[in-house]
Protein backbone atom coordinates (compact mmCIF):
# COMPACT_ATOMS: atom_id res chain seq x y z
CA MET A 1 -54.10 -19.40 15.65
CA SER A 2 -53.99 -16.35 13.48
CA PHE A 3 -54.37 -16.44 9.67
CA HIS A 4 -51.22 -14.52 9.76
CA ASP A 5 -49.32 -12.02 12.05
CA SER A 6 -52.09 -9.18 11.80
CA MET A 7 -53.52 -10.04 15.33
CA ALA A 8 -50.08 -9.27 17.14
CA TYR A 9 -51.16 -5.84 18.46
CA PHE A 10 -54.65 -7.14 19.29
CA SER A 11 -52.93 -10.26 20.83
CA LYS A 12 -51.01 -8.18 23.29
CA ALA A 13 -53.64 -5.39 24.29
CA TYR A 14 -55.92 -8.39 25.14
CA ASN A 15 -53.49 -10.51 26.75
CA LEU A 16 -53.97 -13.66 24.65
CA GLU A 17 -51.76 -15.65 22.92
CA VAL A 18 -51.12 -16.50 19.19
CA LYS A 19 -49.64 -19.83 18.63
CA GLY A 20 -49.20 -20.10 15.15
CA VAL A 21 -50.02 -18.35 12.00
CA LEU A 22 -51.39 -20.20 8.98
CA THR A 23 -49.92 -18.10 6.38
CA LYS A 24 -46.76 -16.94 6.44
CA LYS A 25 -46.93 -14.81 3.04
CA ALA A 26 -50.02 -13.48 1.57
CA GLY A 27 -51.79 -16.00 -0.66
CA GLN A 28 -49.81 -18.71 0.23
CA GLU A 29 -51.37 -21.75 2.00
CA PRO A 30 -49.22 -23.76 4.52
CA ASP A 31 -47.26 -26.66 2.58
CA ALA A 32 -47.31 -30.35 4.21
CA LYS A 33 -44.54 -29.96 6.60
CA GLU A 34 -46.26 -26.65 7.87
CA MET A 35 -49.35 -28.13 8.23
CA LYS A 36 -47.78 -31.08 10.35
CA GLU A 37 -46.20 -28.04 12.70
CA LEU A 38 -49.68 -26.66 13.19
CA ILE A 39 -50.95 -29.99 14.06
CA ALA A 40 -48.49 -30.48 16.43
CA ILE A 41 -48.86 -26.87 17.98
CA CYS A 42 -52.79 -26.81 17.83
CA THR A 43 -52.66 -30.66 19.60
CA ASN A 44 -50.10 -29.71 22.28
CA LYS A 45 -51.81 -31.39 25.43
CA ASP A 46 -50.62 -28.73 28.01
CA ALA A 47 -52.12 -25.80 25.89
CA PRO A 48 -54.32 -26.67 22.47
CA VAL A 49 -55.49 -24.17 20.62
CA ARG A 50 -59.06 -23.33 20.42
CA VAL A 51 -59.82 -20.71 18.26
CA ILE A 52 -58.24 -20.42 14.32
CA ALA A 53 -58.76 -17.17 13.33
CA THR A 54 -59.51 -16.21 9.68
CA GLU A 55 -59.98 -13.57 7.75
CA PRO A 56 -63.04 -12.36 5.82
CA GLN A 57 -61.11 -11.12 2.52
CA TYR A 58 -59.70 -14.99 2.33
CA SER A 59 -61.45 -18.16 1.72
CA THR A 60 -61.87 -20.11 5.05
CA SER A 61 -61.99 -23.22 2.63
CA ASN A 62 -57.97 -22.93 2.44
CA SER A 63 -55.87 -23.17 5.07
CA GLY A 64 -58.22 -22.43 8.17
CA GLN A 65 -60.95 -25.01 7.36
CA SER A 66 -58.03 -27.87 6.29
CA LEU A 67 -56.24 -27.30 10.05
CA GLN A 68 -59.66 -28.01 11.65
CA LYS A 69 -60.42 -30.78 9.42
CA GLU A 70 -56.88 -32.19 10.24
CA LEU A 71 -57.47 -31.86 14.09
CA ILE A 72 -61.07 -32.88 13.92
CA ALA A 73 -59.22 -36.17 12.42
CA LYS A 74 -57.10 -36.14 15.32
CA GLY A 75 -59.83 -36.51 18.13
CA VAL A 76 -59.75 -32.37 18.57
CA THR A 77 -62.89 -30.93 18.33
CA SER A 78 -62.47 -27.88 20.50
CA ALA A 79 -60.74 -25.62 17.85
CA GLU A 80 -63.38 -23.36 16.31
CA LEU A 81 -62.99 -21.08 13.33
CA VAL A 82 -64.12 -17.44 13.97
CA GLU A 83 -63.66 -14.61 11.59
CA PHE A 84 -61.74 -11.79 12.50
CA ASP A 85 -61.69 -8.84 10.39
CA PRO A 86 -58.04 -7.14 10.47
CA LEU A 87 -60.12 -3.57 9.46
CA GLU A 88 -58.61 -4.17 5.86
CA THR A 89 -62.07 -5.03 4.17
CA VAL A 90 -64.04 -1.73 4.43
CA ARG A 91 -65.26 -0.20 1.42
CA PRO A 92 -64.95 3.40 0.97
CA GLU A 93 -68.76 3.59 0.91
CA ASP A 94 -69.57 1.64 4.39
CA LEU A 95 -66.90 4.08 6.28
CA THR A 96 -68.60 5.78 8.72
CA LEU A 97 -67.35 7.52 12.07
CA ASP A 98 -68.58 4.15 13.73
CA TRP A 99 -66.96 1.74 11.75
CA TYR A 100 -63.53 0.60 13.38
CA GLU A 101 -65.55 0.29 16.41
CA LYS A 102 -68.22 -1.75 15.15
CA LYS A 103 -66.13 -4.10 13.84
CA MET A 104 -63.53 -4.04 16.60
CA ARG A 105 -66.72 -5.52 18.77
CA GLU A 106 -67.98 -7.65 16.69
CA ASN A 107 -64.29 -9.00 16.27
CA LEU A 108 -64.31 -9.45 20.64
CA ASP A 109 -67.80 -10.53 20.81
CA ALA A 110 -66.76 -13.36 18.06
CA LEU A 111 -63.85 -14.24 19.74
CA ALA A 112 -65.32 -14.38 23.51
CA LYS A 113 -68.19 -16.85 22.21
CA ALA A 114 -65.74 -19.17 20.63
CA MET A 115 -63.38 -19.31 23.74
CA LYS A 116 -66.34 -19.89 26.25
């Protein structure tokens, strides 16, 4: 599960399946109907969602944690929150020649750890 569709190219490059998105519009939390749909996607017995990707520029206390809490209430404890930086958060003073590579490595490491 991705925070929004920012992971489309990344998922294709690494052969990952993004089953859904938490926010269809920036700053707009899923309503009750959308949350119910996300829960149904995540609890699919044939292919349950194991990772809920959040982004550092948005509060994880919102949709990502809400979804995880709903899943835990339904007995699904395998869906982990993982911070995935879509590389929109760099401050000019932090931008170095290797910044992109470091951030992508952090993203890969966080996803790999959660998917074990």
